[in-house]
Protein backbone atom coordinates (compact mmCIF):
# COMPACT_ATOMS: atom_id res chain seq x y z
CA MET A 1 -25.85 -12.70 52.54
CA ASN A 2 -22.61 -14.05 52.33
CA ARG A 3 -20.45 -13.31 49.55
CA ARG A 4 -17.36 -15.53 48.61
CA ILE A 5 -13.77 -13.60 48.62
CA PRO A 6 -12.41 -12.99 45.22
CA ASN A 7 -9.64 -15.13 44.09
CA GLY A 8 -6.18 -13.63 44.54
CA THR A 9 -7.62 -11.38 47.49
CA TYR A 10 -5.50 -13.38 50.06
CA GLY A 11 -2.19 -12.91 48.16
CA GLY A 12 -0.29 -15.53 46.81
CA VAL A 13 1.72 -18.72 46.77
CA ARG A 14 3.14 -20.39 43.44
CA GLY A 15 4.42 -23.77 43.33
CA ARG A 16 6.95 -24.21 45.98
CA GLY A 17 7.46 -20.72 47.06
CA LEU A 18 5.84 -18.07 49.26
CA THR A 19 6.01 -14.29 48.76
CA ALA A 20 8.00 -13.10 51.93
CA PRO A 21 7.16 -10.16 53.32
CA SER A 22 8.87 -6.92 53.11
CA TYR A 23 10.50 -7.17 56.79
CA SER A 24 12.74 -10.43 55.70
CA ILE A 25 15.81 -8.80 56.51
CA ARG A 26 18.58 -8.56 58.94
CA ARG A 27 18.53 -7.66 62.38
CA GLU A 28 19.68 -4.13 63.28
CA VAL A 29 21.69 -4.17 66.09
CA SER A 30 22.92 -0.34 66.29
CA GLY A 31 19.71 0.46 68.44
CA GLY A 32 21.00 -0.78 71.80
CA MET A 33 19.93 -4.31 71.07
CA ALA A 34 21.37 -7.35 72.95
CA GLU A 35 22.49 -10.21 70.72
CA ASN A 36 21.34 -12.79 73.19
CA LEU A 37 17.85 -11.53 73.32
CA ASN A 38 15.35 -14.04 73.86
CA LEU A 39 11.87 -13.52 72.83
CA LYS A 40 8.64 -14.90 74.43
CA MET A 41 5.38 -16.45 72.99
CA GLU A 42 2.52 -18.30 74.75
CA ARG A 43 3.58 -21.85 74.24
CA ASN A 44 0.41 -22.98 72.37
CA PHE A 45 0.20 -20.56 69.83
CA ALA A 46 3.87 -20.96 68.94
CA ARG A 47 3.25 -24.57 68.22
CA ASP A 48 -0.14 -23.54 66.29
CA ALA A 49 0.10 -24.49 62.74
CA HIS A 50 -2.96 -22.70 61.51
CA ALA A 51 -3.57 -19.25 63.62
CA PHE A 52 -0.71 -17.60 61.65
CA ARG A 53 -1.27 -18.59 58.10
CA CYS A 54 -2.34 -16.94 55.58
CA PRO A 55 -5.26 -18.46 53.66
CA THR A 56 -5.09 -18.98 49.89
CA LYS A 57 -7.21 -21.02 47.09
CA ARG A 58 -4.48 -23.40 47.07
CA GLN A 59 -4.92 -24.77 50.69
CA ASP A 60 -7.47 -26.42 52.25
CA ALA A 61 -9.46 -23.68 53.55
CA GLU A 62 -12.90 -22.88 53.52
CA LYS A 63 -13.64 -19.14 53.13
CA ASP A 64 -16.17 -16.63 52.55
CA MET A 65 -17.01 -12.92 53.53
CA ARG A 66 -19.47 -12.80 56.38
CA ARG A 67 -21.65 -9.51 57.19
CA LEU A 68 -22.72 -8.57 60.27
CA VAL A 69 -20.53 -10.68 62.66
CA GLN A 70 -19.11 -9.86 66.31
CA ASP A 71 -15.41 -10.00 66.99
CA HIS A 72 -13.70 -11.06 70.36
CA GLN A 73 -15.24 -8.16 72.20
CA LYS A 74 -18.62 -8.75 70.76
CA GLN A 75 -18.22 -5.31 68.67
CA LEU A 76 -20.41 -5.67 65.42
CA ILE A 77 -17.72 -6.07 61.98
CA LEU A 78 -19.68 -4.98 59.14
CA GLU A 79 -17.80 -7.27 56.55
CA ALA A 80 -15.42 -9.74 57.53
CA ALA A 81 -12.92 -11.97 55.86
CA TRP A 82 -13.72 -15.98 57.40
CA TRP A 83 -12.01 -18.77 57.08
CA ARG A 84 -11.78 -22.19 58.48
CA TRP A 85 -8.83 -25.06 57.84
CA GLN A 86 -9.51 -28.55 56.95
CA GLY A 87 -9.36 -30.79 60.20
CA ASP A 88 -9.65 -27.57 62.32
CA LYS A 89 -13.03 -26.74 64.49
CA ARG A 90 -11.91 -22.87 64.70
CA GLU A 91 -13.19 -20.23 62.55
CA PHE A 92 -10.87 -17.27 61.84
CA LEU A 93 -12.08 -13.65 61.53
CA ILE A 94 -10.75 -10.05 60.22
CA PRO A 95 -12.55 -7.12 59.22
CA ARG A 96 -12.61 -6.61 55.48
CA GLU A 97 -10.09 -3.86 55.65
CA PHE A 98 -7.49 -5.80 56.76
CA ILE A 99 -7.42 -8.24 54.14
CA PRO A 100 -4.65 -6.85 51.78
CA PHE A 101 -2.42 -7.53 55.49
CA LEU A 102 -3.10 -11.11 55.41
CA PRO A 103 -0.03 -12.05 53.25
CA LYS A 104 1.95 -10.59 56.36
CA ILE A 105 0.25 -12.48 58.83
CA HIS A 106 3.68 -14.00 59.90
CA LEU A 107 4.74 -10.05 60.76
CA VAL A 108 1.66 -10.31 62.93
CA ARG A 109 2.71 -13.33 64.63
CA ASP A 110 6.45 -11.48 65.37
CA VAL A 111 4.70 -8.62 66.66
CA LEU A 112 2.73 -10.72 69.03
CA ALA A 113 5.86 -12.21 70.49
CA ALA A 114 7.47 -8.78 71.01
CA VAL A 115 4.66 -7.62 72.65
CA THR A 116 4.35 -11.35 75.01
CA THR A 117 7.81 -10.53 75.68
CA LEU A 118 7.21 -7.07 77.24
CA TRP A 119 4.21 -8.32 78.94
CA TYR A 120 6.26 -10.98 80.82
CA GLN A 121 9.08 -8.01 81.55
CA GLN A 122 6.38 -5.65 82.76
CA ARG A 123 3.97 -7.78 84.49
CA PRO A 124 0.99 -5.18 84.45
CA GLU A 125 -1.80 -6.14 86.74
CA ASP A 126 -4.13 -3.96 84.31
CA ARG A 127 -2.86 -5.69 81.23
CA LYS A 128 -1.55 -2.54 79.88
CA ILE A 129 1.73 -2.56 78.51
CA TYR A 130 3.75 0.62 77.71
CA THR A 131 6.19 0.56 74.89
CA THR A 132 6.89 2.26 71.61
CA LEU A 133 6.46 1.14 67.91
CA ARG A 134 10.49 1.60 67.89
CA GLU A 135 11.02 -0.80 70.94
CA ILE A 136 8.85 -3.65 69.08
CA ALA A 137 10.46 -3.55 66.19
CA ARG A 138 13.94 -3.92 67.78
CA LEU A 139 12.49 -6.83 69.92
CA ALA A 140 11.03 -8.47 66.81
CA GLY A 141 14.27 -7.64 64.86
CA ILE A 142 12.74 -5.29 62.22
CA PRO A 143 14.88 -2.47 61.04
CA VAL A 144 13.69 0.41 62.44
CA ASN A 145 12.24 3.11 59.61
CA GLN A 146 8.97 5.00 58.90
CA GLU A 147 7.57 1.93 56.57
CA ASN A 148 8.01 -0.82 58.84
CA LEU A 149 6.86 1.42 61.82
CA ARG A 150 3.66 1.82 60.04
CA GLU A 151 3.26 -2.06 59.00
CA ILE A 152 4.13 -2.44 62.89
CA GLN A 153 1.14 -0.10 64.05
CA THR A 154 -1.01 -2.29 61.57
CA ALA A 155 -0.20 -5.48 62.71
CA LEU A 156 -1.24 -4.09 66.04
CA ALA A 157 -4.58 -2.72 64.85
CA PHE A 158 -4.53 -6.54 63.16
CA LEU A 159 -4.16 -8.06 66.49
CA ARG A 160 -6.92 -5.98 67.99
CA ALA A 161 -9.46 -7.10 65.11
CA PHE A 162 -8.16 -10.76 64.67
CA THR A 163 -10.97 -13.15 66.18
CA ILE A 164 -10.75 -16.89 66.60
CA VAL A 165 -14.04 -18.35 67.23
CA ASN A 166 -14.09 -21.87 68.94
CA GLN A 167 -10.85 -21.75 70.72
CA GLU A 168 -9.74 -24.02 73.22
CA VAL A 169 -8.35 -22.32 76.15
CA ILE A 170 -6.83 -24.07 79.51
CA THR A 171 -8.24 -22.64 82.19
CA LYS A 172 -6.72 -25.15 85.19
CA LEU A 173 -3.80 -27.40 85.21
CA ASP A 174 -3.60 -30.35 87.38
CA LYS A 175 -0.23 -31.04 90.04
CA ALA A 176 1.32 -32.47 87.10
CA GLY A 177 1.06 -29.48 84.90
CA ARG A 178 -1.11 -31.23 82.68
CA LYS A 179 -4.50 -29.45 81.63
CA LYS A 180 -7.30 -30.26 83.64
CA GLU A 181 -10.15 -27.80 82.59
CA THR A 182 -10.31 -26.36 79.18
CA THR A 183 -13.32 -23.40 77.96
CA MET A 184 -14.10 -23.10 74.26
CA LEU A 185 -14.19 -19.01 73.66
CA THR A 186 -14.42 -16.67 70.96
CA TYR A 187 -10.78 -15.26 71.32
CA GLY A 188 -8.62 -12.61 70.55
CA PHE A 189 -5.17 -11.22 71.85
CA ILE A 190 -5.55 -7.41 72.53
CA SER A 191 -8.37 -5.51 73.50
CA TYR A 192 -7.03 -2.07 72.35
CA VAL A 193 -4.44 0.10 71.64
CA GLY A 194 -3.65 3.59 72.48
CA VAL A 195 -1.15 6.34 72.83
CA GLU A 196 -0.13 7.96 76.00
CA GLY A 197 -1.67 11.42 76.53
CA MET A 198 -0.89 12.79 79.84
CA ARG A 199 1.42 11.65 82.27
CA ASP A 200 1.55 12.69 86.03
CA GLY A 201 -0.81 15.28 85.16
CA LYS A 202 0.94 16.68 82.29
CA GLU A 203 0.82 16.76 78.52
CA VAL A 204 3.21 14.44 77.22
CA PRO A 205 5.30 15.98 74.30
CA PRO A 206 4.77 14.16 70.95
CA ASN A 207 8.11 12.65 70.55
CA LYS A 208 7.87 11.07 74.32
CA LYS A 209 4.48 9.27 73.94
CA ARG A 210 4.42 5.83 74.67
CA THR A 211 1.92 3.25 72.98
CA ILE A 212 -0.25 1.58 75.37
CA ILE A 213 -1.24 -2.02 74.26
CA CYS A 214 -3.98 -3.48 76.64
CA ILE A 215 -3.92 -7.30 76.01
CA THR A 216 -7.10 -9.42 76.59
CA GLU A 217 -7.98 -10.89 79.96
CA PRO A 218 -7.89 -14.57 78.38
CA TYR A 219 -4.55 -14.06 76.71
CA ALA A 220 -3.34 -12.46 80.02
CA THR A 221 -4.97 -15.67 81.73
CA LEU A 222 -3.17 -18.13 79.64
CA LEU A 223 0.27 -16.19 80.40
CA ASN A 224 -0.36 -16.24 84.04
CA LEU A 225 -1.11 -20.02 83.65
CA LEU A 226 1.53 -21.70 81.40
CA PRO A 227 5.15 -21.41 80.89
CA PRO A 228 6.13 -19.62 77.65
CA ALA A 229 8.00 -20.95 74.36
CA THR A 230 11.46 -19.06 74.25
CA ILE A 231 12.40 -18.05 71.06
CA PRO A 232 16.29 -16.97 70.70
CA THR A 233 16.40 -14.03 68.40
CA TRP A 234 19.51 -15.61 66.55
CA TRP A 235 17.08 -18.24 65.34
CA LEU A 236 14.66 -15.87 63.67
CA ASP A 237 18.22 -14.01 62.34
CA ALA A 238 19.37 -17.23 60.77
CA ALA A 239 15.93 -18.09 59.21
CA LYS A 240 15.31 -14.15 57.64
CA LYS A 241 18.88 -14.74 56.20
CA LEU A 242 17.88 -17.89 54.14
CA PRO A 243 16.83 -17.08 50.61
CA ARG A 244 13.41 -15.05 50.10
CA ARG A 245 11.25 -17.99 49.32
CA GLN A 246 12.22 -19.92 52.05
CA VAL A 247 12.15 -17.15 55.13
CA ALA A 248 8.70 -17.55 56.08
CA HIS A 249 8.97 -21.30 55.98
CA ALA A 250 11.89 -21.55 57.95
CA LYS A 251 10.20 -19.15 60.45
CA ASN A 252 7.16 -21.47 61.24
CA LEU A 253 9.84 -24.14 62.02
CA VAL A 254 11.63 -21.73 64.43
CA TYR A 255 8.28 -20.90 66.42
CA ARG A 256 7.62 -24.53 66.48
CA LEU A 257 10.82 -25.96 67.68
CA ALA A 258 10.78 -23.43 70.52
CA ALA A 259 7.65 -24.55 71.75
CA GLU A 260 8.97 -28.28 71.70
CA ARG A 261 9.88 -29.47 75.05
CA ARG A 262 11.68 -32.66 73.47
CA ASN A 263 15.22 -31.69 71.96
CA PRO A 264 15.59 -33.43 69.66
CA ALA A 265 12.15 -33.42 68.11
CA GLU A 266 10.76 -36.44 65.97
CA TRP A 267 8.52 -35.72 63.10
CA LYS A 268 7.16 -37.51 60.06
CA GLU A 269 7.82 -35.78 57.01
CA SER A 270 3.96 -35.13 56.80
CA THR A 271 4.26 -33.15 59.89
CA VAL A 272 7.23 -31.19 58.75
CA GLU A 273 5.60 -30.52 56.02
CA GLU A 274 2.34 -29.25 57.83
CA ILE A 275 4.93 -27.14 60.38
CA LEU A 276 6.65 -25.10 57.32
CA ASP A 277 3.21 -24.78 55.14
CA LEU A 278 4.54 -26.36 52.13
CA ARG A 279 1.98 -26.43 49.45
CA SER A 280 3.57 -28.07 46.24
CA PRO A 281 1.27 -30.90 44.94
CA ARG A 282 4.54 -32.99 43.90
CA THR A 283 6.16 -34.98 46.76
CA ILE A 284 9.53 -34.74 45.55
CA GLU A 285 9.29 -30.91 45.56
CA ARG A 286 8.36 -30.58 48.98
CA ARG A 287 11.07 -33.14 50.25
CA ARG A 288 13.59 -30.78 48.57
CA ALA A 289 12.31 -27.94 49.82
CA ILE A 290 12.52 -29.00 53.36
CA ARG A 291 15.97 -30.08 52.77
CA ARG A 292 16.91 -26.74 51.73
CA ILE A 293 15.55 -25.08 54.42
CA LEU A 294 16.85 -27.71 57.24
CA ASP A 295 20.44 -27.37 55.44
CA GLY A 296 20.22 -23.51 55.83
CA LEU A 297 19.33 -23.71 59.67
CA ALA A 298 22.08 -26.31 60.34
CA ALA A 299 24.76 -24.10 58.50
CA ALA A 300 23.57 -21.09 60.74
CA GLY A 301 24.08 -23.50 63.64
CA VAL A 302 20.33 -23.61 64.81
CA LEU A 303 19.91 -27.34 64.70
CA GLU A 304 21.46 -30.29 63.47
CA TYR A 305 19.40 -33.02 61.70
CA GLN A 306 19.01 -36.82 60.95
CA ILE A 307 16.54 -38.46 58.46
CA ARG A 308 15.61 -42.14 59.29
CA GLY A 309 13.15 -44.55 57.96
CA GLY A 310 9.94 -44.77 59.82
CA ILE A 311 7.93 -47.94 60.13
CA ASP A 312 5.72 -47.03 56.98
CA GLY A 313 8.99 -46.49 55.01
CA LYS A 314 8.65 -42.99 54.97
CA PRO A 315 11.24 -40.53 56.13
CA VAL A 316 11.14 -39.45 59.67
CA TYR A 317 13.01 -36.28 60.71
CA VAL A 318 14.94 -35.88 63.60
CA LEU A 319 15.86 -32.26 64.81
CA ARG A 320 17.89 -31.50 67.76
CA THR A 321 18.40 -27.06 68.19
CA LYS A 322 21.08 -25.41 69.65
CA ARG A 323 20.60 -22.74 72.34
CA GLY A 324 23.95 -21.08 72.59
CA MET A 325 25.47 -19.04 69.98
C-alpha cells in the first residue's frame, strides 16, 4: 500500500528563499587546486531543470511513498520516496533513508559533476574511477573537513540509489550530430561505490586506500556519445559567494548556462524562473529575485545581461557569459 510522505519531510522553502546547504561557502585553493579548473557534466543533465530539484509541498510535484519497488539495477527497495513533476513523464525514486538528504540534492549534482570530470580524465574502459573523497571535494570546491567528507560519501550513496524511471536517453546520432535514436530507460548514474582493499597483491594501508566509483553502463555510453558541458569552477565560486538564499538558485543557472550552445542565451521570464527554481506566488517577488541573482553574477564577471520586451509584452532576458577570468 502506498503512503503519503508527511508534510515537511522534504525540507523547506518559504516565500522567496531556499534553505541553502551547509557547503555553500568559498572554495579552498590551498589544496593544490588550479584556479582555472573546469568541471565536466553530461550536457543533458546539466540542462535538466527537474533531476536535481528537491520536491516540496509548494511545488508542482506529485509525491508519495512506495513499497517494494525496484531501483535502476533491479534491486528491491523496501520503501522509497517517489515524486513526479507536472509536465514531466519521468518518475524519481530514492530509498526512504535518504529523504533527510533531499534538501542537499544540489550537493549531489556537484559531486556527480566531479565524478564525471574524473571519468573524462581517466577514461576507464571498465567504468571504474579511482579517486579519494578529498579529491572530489577539491574538484567540487567543497572545503575539506570531516563533516563535508561525510556529506560527499552520503552524496555518492545517494547517486548509487537515485533512480529515474522513463528517462529518455540518446543512443545514436546522425551525421550532423543530432539525436537519431533514443531509448526509454530506468536510469541511474552509479552502479556501486567501494574502497580499495589490495593493490598489486598487497594490502593497501588505510591512509592510502582509494575510493572506487563504478558509473553505470548507460551513463558511460552517454558520456562517450556526446560532448560534455564545461563548467568553469569560478562560475560556481561566484554563485557560492552570493547571499545564502540566492546560492542554490544561482547554481541552477550556472549549470544551465554551461550547457547552452548559444551565447548569448535568450529566455522568456518564465523560462528563467523555471531554471532558477523560483517558487514565490507573486510575480513581482520572482522578478526581483531574478534581478538580484543576475546582478550578483554580473558583478562577479560571470555574465552580462540585458532585458528587452517580448512580442507578448513580457520581459525577455539576454544573457552573455564570460569564460575567462
